[in-house]
Amino acid sequence: MAIDYTKRPSTPAPAAGGVNLSKVTLSKAAPTVNLAKKGESQGAMRVNLNWSQGAAAPEPKKKGFLAKLAAASYGTGGVDLDLGCLYELADGSKGVIQALGKSFGALESAPFIQLDGDDRSGSVTGGENMHINLARPDAFKRILIFAMIYDGAPNWAAVDGVVTLFPTSGPQVEVRLDSDNNSARICSIALIQNTGQSITVTREVEYIQGSQADLDKKYGWGMRWAAGRK
């Protein structure tokens, strides 16, 4: 069942017992919250991806050719973790927003989603940011937010990524990439859906073996994919 916080004030007062009403962390036990009710218009919601600055591979216990090979495959600059999303609009149009292929989108026209840029190293303090224009929530059917390790060996435990949604009203919504899965390059993070009665966001945190095409297949998006590069 979704947690409905839309009745809460936009700047909640601190609660007794150390409960933070200004942030909701989605978990397996409580995976869904309501972002907006039917007909409720908001502004542009920021979606932020941040991760450990310059995460690097663990120091090998043994020196030698294999250790050097492992370090080379990881890369001296750590990982390049990218934020993106698959979207499906109410009119049936579908697509992807991501740095790969320079599909940065648009905020004031379809698909009403825009990616700011590409942080190649995790050194940008603000991480990567994507904006979703909820001024017309009825324009959306569903949006699947994902992260992809574009460069460097998969090491989600070291990356320690977190995605935070900043609605224009209500508390922040946080999803932590808290699995130690180190074999997959893509992680589906959260699914935003227009249920007809509200706009909800649900924690996913599913690690996908393969590429965006495999992510598409798992969630039944039904798009055609071709190889791309930055």
C-alpha atoms as a PDB file:
ATOM      1  CA  MET A   1       0.000   0.000   0.000  1.00  0.00           C
ATOM      2  CA  ALA A   2       1.294   3.482  -0.853  1.00  0.00           C
ATOM      3  CA  ILE A   3       2.104   5.982   1.878  1.00  0.00           C
ATOM      4  CA  ASP A   4       0.069   9.149   1.261  1.00  0.00           C
ATOM      5  CA  TYR A   5       1.996  12.181   2.434  1.00  0.00           C
ATOM      6  CA  THR A   6       0.213  14.689   0.155  1.00  0.00           C
ATOM      7  CA  LYS A   7      -1.808  16.017   3.101  1.00  0.00           C
ATOM      8  CA  ARG A   8       1.337  16.971   4.986  1.00  0.00           C
ATOM      9  CA  PRO A   9       2.574  20.584   5.011  1.00  0.00           C
ATOM     10  CA  SER A  10       5.286  21.422   2.519  1.00  0.00           C
ATOM     11  CA  THR A  11       7.683  22.201   5.396  1.00  0.00           C
ATOM     12  CA  PRO A  12       6.967  19.579   8.045  1.00  0.00           C
ATOM     13  CA  ALA A  13       7.877  20.254  11.654  1.00  0.00           C
ATOM     14  CA  PRO A  14      10.407  17.941  13.344  1.00  0.00           C
ATOM     15  CA  ALA A  15       8.738  14.957  14.954  1.00  0.00           C
ATOM     16  CA  ALA A  16       9.371  13.474  18.373  1.00  0.00           C
ATOM     17  CA  GLY A  17      11.609  10.430  18.567  1.00  0.00           C
ATOM     18  CA  GLY A  18      13.967  11.568  15.821  1.00  0.00           C
ATOM     19  CA  VAL A  19      11.630  10.766  12.889  1.00  0.00           C
ATOM     20  CA  ASN A  20      12.520  12.908   9.888  1.00  0.00           C
ATOM     21  CA  LEU A  21       9.300  14.034   8.181  1.00  0.00           C
ATOM     22  CA  SER A  22      11.285  16.012   5.596  1.00  0.00           C
ATOM     23  CA  LYS A  23      12.582  12.796   4.014  1.00  0.00           C
ATOM     24  CA  VAL A  24      11.016   9.425   3.240  1.00  0.00           C
ATOM     25  CA  THR A  25      13.407   6.520   2.625  1.00  0.00           C
ATOM     26  CA  LEU A  26      11.770   3.787   0.576  1.00  0.00           C
ATOM     27  CA  SER A  27      12.496   0.233   1.711  1.00  0.00           C
ATOM     28  CA  LYS A  28      11.407  -3.310   0.930  1.00  0.00           C
ATOM     29  CA  ALA A  29       8.909  -3.078   3.795  1.00  0.00           C
ATOM     30  CA  ALA A  30       7.517   0.309   2.686  1.00  0.00           C
ATOM     31  CA  PRO A  31       8.368   0.627  -1.026  1.00  0.00           C
ATOM     32  CA  THR A  32       5.769   3.147  -2.280  1.00  0.00           C
ATOM     33  CA  VAL A  33       4.712   6.746  -1.618  1.00  0.00           C
ATOM     34  CA  ASN A  34       2.258   9.112  -3.325  1.00  0.00           C
ATOM     35  CA  LEU A  35       3.842  12.139  -4.962  1.00  0.00           C
ATOM     36  CA  ALA A  36       0.637  13.892  -6.038  1.00  0.00           C
ATOM     37  CA  LYS A  37      -3.110  13.304  -6.060  1.00  0.00           C
ATOM     38  CA  LYS A  38      -5.263  13.225  -9.185  1.00  0.00           C
ATOM     39  CA  GLY A  39      -5.420  16.685 -10.731  1.00  0.00           C
ATOM     40  CA  GLU A  40      -2.747  18.097  -8.424  1.00  0.00           C
ATOM     41  CA  SER A  41      -0.206  20.102 -10.398  1.00  0.00           C
ATOM     42  CA  GLN A  42       3.373  20.579  -9.204  1.00  0.00           C
ATOM     43  CA  GLY A  43       6.493  22.088 -10.685  1.00  0.00           C
ATOM     44  CA  ALA A  44       9.672  20.423 -11.893  1.00  0.00           C
ATOM     45  CA  MET A  45      10.773  17.620  -9.572  1.00  0.00           C
ATOM     46  CA  ARG A  46      14.545  17.174  -9.348  1.00  0.00           C
ATOM     47  CA  VAL A  47      15.931  13.630  -9.306  1.00  0.00           C
ATOM     48  CA  ASN A  48      19.495  13.521  -7.989  1.00  0.00           C
ATOM     49  CA  LEU A  49      22.018  10.674  -8.240  1.00  0.00           C
ATOM     50  CA  ASN A  50      25.037  10.873  -5.975  1.00  0.00           C
ATOM     51  CA  TRP A  51      27.701   8.320  -5.185  1.00  0.00           C
ATOM     52  CA  SER A  52      31.035   7.932  -3.436  1.00  0.00           C
ATOM     53  CA  GLN A  53      33.494  10.426  -4.826  1.00  0.00           C
ATOM     54  CA  GLY A  54      36.166   8.634  -6.855  1.00  0.00           C
ATOM     55  CA  ALA A  55      35.191   5.129  -5.668  1.00  0.00           C
ATOM     56  CA  ALA A  56      38.088   2.843  -6.417  1.00  0.00           C
ATOM     57  CA  ALA A  57      38.738  -0.855  -6.489  1.00  0.00           C
ATOM     58  CA  PRO A  58      39.971  -2.442  -3.245  1.00  0.00           C
ATOM     59  CA  GLU A  59      43.722  -2.777  -2.885  1.00  0.00           C
ATOM     60  CA  PRO A  60      44.683  -6.300  -3.991  1.00  0.00           C
ATOM     61  CA  LYS A  61      46.307  -8.471  -1.352  1.00  0.00           C
ATOM     62  CA  LYS A  62      48.730  -9.913  -3.874  1.00  0.00           C
ATOM     63  CA  LYS A  63      50.856  -8.087  -6.405  1.00  0.00           C
ATOM     64  CA  GLY A  64      51.386  -9.443  -9.845  1.00  0.00           C
ATOM     65  CA  PHE A  65      50.017  -9.671 -13.363  1.00  0.00           C
ATOM     66  CA  LEU A  66      46.445 -10.634 -12.394  1.00  0.00           C
ATOM     67  CA  ALA A  67      46.215  -7.845  -9.805  1.00  0.00           C
ATOM     68  CA  LYS A  68      47.420  -5.304 -12.359  1.00  0.00           C
ATOM     69  CA  LEU A  69      44.928  -6.636 -14.903  1.00  0.00           C
ATOM     70  CA  ALA A  70      42.069  -6.301 -12.409  1.00  0.00           C
ATOM     71  CA  ALA A  71      43.097  -2.748 -11.558  1.00  0.00           C
ATOM     72  CA  ALA A  72      43.319  -1.857 -15.232  1.00  0.00           C
ATOM     73  CA  SER A  73      39.842  -3.213 -15.910  1.00  0.00           C
ATOM     74  CA  TYR A  74      38.463  -1.079 -13.069  1.00  0.00           C
ATOM     75  CA  GLY A  75      40.127   2.108 -14.228  1.00  0.00           C
ATOM     76  CA  THR A  76      42.200   4.607 -12.279  1.00  0.00           C
ATOM     77  CA  GLY A  77      39.335   7.102 -12.105  1.00  0.00           C
ATOM     78  CA  GLY A  78      36.855   4.804 -10.370  1.00  0.00           C
ATOM     79  CA  VAL A  79      33.460   4.304 -11.953  1.00  0.00           C
ATOM     80  CA  ASP A  80      31.356   6.431 -14.274  1.00  0.00           C
ATOM     81  CA  LEU A  81      27.832   6.028 -12.904  1.00  0.00           C
ATOM     82  CA  ASP A  82      25.073   7.430 -15.123  1.00  0.00           C
ATOM     83  CA  LEU A  83      21.524   8.467 -14.260  1.00  0.00           C
ATOM     84  CA  GLY A  84      18.766   7.807 -16.796  1.00  0.00           C
ATOM     85  CA  CYS A  85      15.157   6.795 -17.231  1.00  0.00           C
ATOM     86  CA  LEU A  86      12.791   4.999 -19.542  1.00  0.00           C
ATOM     87  CA  TYR A  87       9.539   6.892 -20.057  1.00  0.00           C
ATOM     88  CA  GLU A  88       6.095   6.215 -21.435  1.00  0.00           C
ATOM     89  CA  LEU A  89       3.748   9.161 -21.936  1.00  0.00           C
ATOM     90  CA  ALA A  90      -0.033   9.077 -21.797  1.00  0.00           C
ATOM     91  CA  ASP A  91      -0.186   9.337 -25.622  1.00  0.00           C
ATOM     92  CA  GLY A  92       1.786   6.075 -25.915  1.00  0.00           C
ATOM     93  CA  SER A  93       5.119   7.593 -26.953  1.00  0.00           C
ATOM     94  CA  LYS A  94       8.167   5.968 -25.364  1.00  0.00           C
ATOM     95  CA  GLY A  95      11.844   6.732 -25.085  1.00  0.00           C
ATOM     96  CA  VAL A  96      14.966   6.933 -22.962  1.00  0.00           C
ATOM     97  CA  ILE A  97      16.717   9.843 -21.236  1.00  0.00           C
ATOM     98  CA  GLN A  98      20.456   9.241 -20.739  1.00  0.00           C
ATOM     99  CA  ALA A  99      23.881  10.689 -21.460  1.00  0.00           C
ATOM    100  CA  LEU A 100      24.621   7.772 -23.790  1.00  0.00           C
ATOM    101  CA  GLY A 101      23.629   8.954 -27.248  1.00  0.00           C
ATOM    102  CA  LYS A 102      23.157  12.477 -25.841  1.00  0.00           C
ATOM    103  CA  SER A 103      19.453  11.854 -25.200  1.00  0.00           C
ATOM    104  CA  PHE A 104      19.097  14.667 -22.667  1.00  0.00           C
ATOM    105  CA  GLY A 105      15.384  15.326 -23.304  1.00  0.00           C
ATOM    106  CA  ALA A 106      13.387  18.553 -22.811  1.00  0.00           C
ATOM    107  CA  LEU A 107      11.504  20.012 -19.854  1.00  0.00           C
ATOM    108  CA  GLU A 108       8.938  22.332 -21.429  1.00  0.00           C
ATOM    109  CA  SER A 109       7.976  20.030 -24.299  1.00  0.00           C
ATOM    110  CA  ALA A 110       7.639  16.245 -24.694  1.00  0.00           C
ATOM    111  CA  PRO A 111       8.915  14.170 -22.977  1.00  0.00           C
ATOM    112  CA  PHE A 112       8.884  16.809 -20.161  1.00  0.00           C
ATOM    113  CA  ILE A 113      12.017  15.200 -18.676  1.00  0.00           C
ATOM    114  CA  GLN A 114      15.521  16.634 -18.918  1.00  0.00           C
ATOM    115  CA  LEU A 115      18.946  15.415 -17.809  1.00  0.00           C
ATOM    116  CA  ASP A 116      21.336  18.214 -16.800  1.00  0.00           C
ATOM    117  CA  GLY A 117      24.577  16.629 -17.899  1.00  0.00           C
ATOM    118  CA  ASP A 118      27.055  13.811 -17.369  1.00  0.00           C
ATOM    119  CA  ASP A 119      29.300  13.540 -14.300  1.00  0.00           C
ATOM    120  CA  ARG A 120      32.019  11.213 -15.587  1.00  0.00           C
ATOM    121  CA  SER A 121      33.890  10.779 -12.279  1.00  0.00           C
ATOM    122  CA  GLY A 122      31.571  11.387  -9.316  1.00  0.00           C
ATOM    123  CA  SER A 123      33.682  14.465  -8.461  1.00  0.00           C
ATOM    124  CA  VAL A 124      30.835  16.922  -9.082  1.00  0.00           C
ATOM    125  CA  THR A 125      29.481  17.785  -5.640  1.00  0.00           C
ATOM    126  CA  GLY A 126      25.871  17.886  -6.840  1.00  0.00           C
ATOM    127  CA  GLY A 127      26.098  14.536  -8.670  1.00  0.00           C
ATOM    128  CA  GLU A 128      23.845  14.052 -11.704  1.00  0.00           C
ATOM    129  CA  ASN A 129      20.414  15.658 -11.882  1.00  0.00           C
ATOM    130  CA  MET A 130      17.308  14.973 -13.929  1.00  0.00           C
ATOM    131  CA  HIS A 131      14.145  17.086 -13.847  1.00  0.00           C
ATOM    132  CA  ILE A 132      10.586  15.842 -14.378  1.00  0.00           C
ATOM    133  CA  ASN A 133       7.945  18.475 -15.136  1.00  0.00           C
ATOM    134  CA  LEU A 134       4.894  17.578 -13.047  1.00  0.00           C
ATOM    135  CA  ALA A 135       2.956  20.692 -14.062  1.00  0.00           C
ATOM    136  CA  ARG A 136       0.974  18.269 -16.248  1.00  0.00           C
ATOM    137  CA  PRO A 137       1.040  14.965 -14.358  1.00  0.00           C
ATOM    138  CA  ASP A 138      -1.623  13.560 -16.673  1.00  0.00           C
ATOM    139  CA  ALA A 139       0.964  13.633 -19.497  1.00  0.00           C
ATOM    140  CA  PHE A 140       2.816  10.697 -17.958  1.00  0.00           C
ATOM    141  CA  LYS A 141       1.994   7.019 -17.773  1.00  0.00           C
ATOM    142  CA  ARG A 142       5.198   5.687 -16.191  1.00  0.00           C
ATOM    143  CA  ILE A 143       8.870   6.559 -15.713  1.00  0.00           C
ATOM    144  CA  LEU A 144      11.547   4.048 -14.719  1.00  0.00           C
ATOM    145  CA  ILE A 145      14.594   5.688 -13.136  1.00  0.00           C
ATOM    146  CA  PHE A 146      17.804   3.682 -13.498  1.00  0.00           C
ATOM    147  CA  ALA A 147      21.547   3.941 -12.955  1.00  0.00           C
ATOM    148  CA  MET A 148      24.205   2.374 -15.143  1.00  0.00           C
ATOM    149  CA  ILE A 149      27.908   1.810 -14.568  1.00  0.00           C
ATOM    150  CA  TYR A 150      29.148   3.014 -17.960  1.00  0.00           C
ATOM    151  CA  ASP A 151      32.864   2.774 -17.255  1.00  0.00           C
ATOM    152  CA  GLY A 152      34.794   0.774 -14.656  1.00  0.00           C
ATOM    153  CA  ALA A 153      34.136  -2.645 -13.161  1.00  0.00           C
ATOM    154  CA  PRO A 154      30.728  -3.190 -11.520  1.00  0.00           C
ATOM    155  CA  ASN A 155      31.194  -2.431  -7.842  1.00  0.00           C
ATOM    156  CA  TRP A 156      27.891  -1.190  -6.394  1.00  0.00           C
ATOM    157  CA  ALA A 157      29.026  -1.729  -2.813  1.00  0.00           C
ATOM    158  CA  ALA A 158      31.960   0.667  -3.255  1.00  0.00           C
ATOM    159  CA  VAL A 159      29.877   3.176  -5.222  1.00  0.00           C
ATOM    160  CA  ASP A 160      27.299   3.469  -2.388  1.00  0.00           C
ATOM    161  CA  GLY A 161      24.837   5.299  -4.622  1.00  0.00           C
ATOM    162  CA  VAL A 162      21.702   7.121  -3.501  1.00  0.00           C
ATOM    163  CA  VAL A 163      18.890   8.646  -5.566  1.00  0.00           C
ATOM    164  CA  THR A 164      16.826  11.433  -4.026  1.00  0.00           C
ATOM    165  CA  LEU A 165      13.617  12.869  -5.462  1.00  0.00           C
ATOM    166  CA  PHE A 166      12.847  16.494  -4.577  1.00  0.00           C
ATOM    167  CA  PRO A 167       9.109  17.175  -5.173  1.00  0.00           C
ATOM    168  CA  THR A 168       8.009  20.818  -5.095  1.00  0.00           C
ATOM    169  CA  SER A 169       5.727  19.918  -2.164  1.00  0.00           C
ATOM    170  CA  GLY A 170       6.042  17.192   0.446  1.00  0.00           C
ATOM    171  CA  PRO A 171       9.172  15.511   1.763  1.00  0.00           C
ATOM    172  CA  GLN A 172      12.154  14.299  -0.203  1.00  0.00           C
ATOM    173  CA  VAL A 173      12.043  10.658  -1.310  1.00  0.00           C
ATOM    174  CA  GLU A 174      15.259   8.652  -1.011  1.00  0.00           C
ATOM    175  CA  VAL A 175      16.211   5.307  -2.545  1.00  0.00           C
ATOM    176  CA  ARG A 176      19.550   3.785  -1.610  1.00  0.00           C
ATOM    177  CA  LEU A 177      21.410   1.376  -3.906  1.00  0.00           C
ATOM    178  CA  ASP A 178      22.220  -0.796  -0.930  1.00  0.00           C
ATOM    179  CA  SER A 179      22.944  -4.163  -2.526  1.00  0.00           C
ATOM    180  CA  ASP A 180      26.456  -5.567  -2.769  1.00  0.00           C
ATOM    181  CA  ASN A 181      25.746  -6.970  -6.246  1.00  0.00           C
ATOM    182  CA  ASN A 182      28.990  -6.625  -8.184  1.00  0.00           C
ATOM    183  CA  SER A 183      28.155  -8.430 -11.408  1.00  0.00           C
ATOM    184  CA  ALA A 184      25.499  -6.278 -13.113  1.00  0.00           C
ATOM    185  CA  ARG A 185      25.985  -2.894 -14.768  1.00  0.00           C
ATOM    186  CA  ILE A 186      22.400  -1.618 -14.588  1.00  0.00           C
ATOM    187  CA  CYS A 187      20.148  -1.030 -11.588  1.00  0.00           C
ATOM    188  CA  SER A 188      16.474  -0.104 -11.868  1.00  0.00           C
ATOM    189  CA  ILE A 189      15.939   2.314  -8.987  1.00  0.00           C
ATOM    190  CA  ALA A 190      12.364   3.604  -8.856  1.00  0.00           C
ATOM    191  CA  LEU A 191       9.165   3.401 -10.898  1.00  0.00           C
ATOM    192  CA  ILE A 192       6.981   6.516 -11.103  1.00  0.00           C
ATOM    193  CA  GLN A 193       3.435   5.739 -12.253  1.00  0.00           C
ATOM    194  CA  ASN A 194       0.207   7.574 -12.959  1.00  0.00           C
ATOM    195  CA  THR A 195      -2.382   5.257 -11.383  1.00  0.00           C
ATOM    196  CA  GLY A 196      -5.322   7.406 -12.448  1.00  0.00           C
ATOM    197  CA  GLN A 197      -5.838   8.468  -8.847  1.00  0.00           C
ATOM    198  CA  SER A 198      -2.340   9.654  -7.966  1.00  0.00           C
ATOM    199  CA  ILE A 199       1.284   9.810  -9.029  1.00  0.00           C
ATOM    200  CA  THR A 200       3.230   7.181  -7.078  1.00  0.00           C
ATOM    201  CA  VAL A 201       6.891   6.282  -6.792  1.00  0.00           C
ATOM    202  CA  THR A 202       7.925   2.714  -5.946  1.00  0.00           C
ATOM    203  CA  ARG A 203      11.351   1.445  -4.938  1.00  0.00           C
ATOM    204  CA  GLU A 204      12.749  -1.170  -7.337  1.00  0.00           C
ATOM    205  CA  VAL A 205      16.525  -1.630  -6.768  1.00  0.00           C
ATOM    206  CA  GLU A 206      16.755  -4.557  -9.183  1.00  0.00           C
ATOM    207  CA  TYR A 207      20.164  -5.332 -10.688  1.00  0.00           C
ATOM    208  CA  ILE A 208      19.956  -6.198 -14.378  1.00  0.00           C
ATOM    209  CA  GLN A 209      22.433  -8.395 -16.212  1.00  0.00           C
ATOM    210  CA  GLY A 210      23.043  -6.952 -19.664  1.00  0.00           C
ATOM    211  CA  SER A 211      22.179  -3.624 -21.252  1.00  0.00           C
ATOM    212  CA  GLN A 212      19.285  -1.165 -21.474  1.00  0.00           C
ATOM    213  CA  ALA A 213      17.592  -3.626 -23.824  1.00  0.00           C
ATOM    214  CA  ASP A 214      17.510  -6.172 -20.978  1.00  0.00           C
ATOM    215  CA  LEU A 215      16.111  -3.516 -18.627  1.00  0.00           C
ATOM    216  CA  ASP A 216      13.446  -2.773 -21.240  1.00  0.00           C
ATOM    217  CA  LYS A 217      12.585  -6.463 -21.529  1.00  0.00           C
ATOM    218  CA  LYS A 218      12.216  -6.931 -17.766  1.00  0.00           C
ATOM    219  CA  TYR A 219       9.764  -4.050 -17.485  1.00  0.00           C
ATOM    220  CA  GLY A 220       7.953  -4.626 -20.783  1.00  0.00           C
ATOM    221  CA  TRP A 221       8.757  -1.293 -22.423  1.00  0.00           C
ATOM    222  CA  GLY A 222       8.877  -2.735 -25.943  1.00  0.00           C
ATOM    223  CA  MET A 223      11.412  -0.431 -27.611  1.00  0.00           C
ATOM    224  CA  ARG A 224      14.064  -1.159 -30.239  1.00  0.00           C
ATOM    225  CA  TRP A 225      17.686  -0.647 -29.222  1.00  0.00           C
ATOM    226  CA  ALA A 226      20.930   0.013 -31.066  1.00  0.00           C
ATOM    227  CA  ALA A 227      24.506   0.423 -29.824  1.00  0.00           C
ATOM    228  CA  GLY A 228      25.426   3.937 -28.727  1.00  0.00           C
ATOM    229  CA  ARG A 229      28.311   5.872 -27.225  1.00  0.00           C
ATOM    230  CA  LYS A 230      29.020   9.137 -25.422  1.00  0.00           C
END
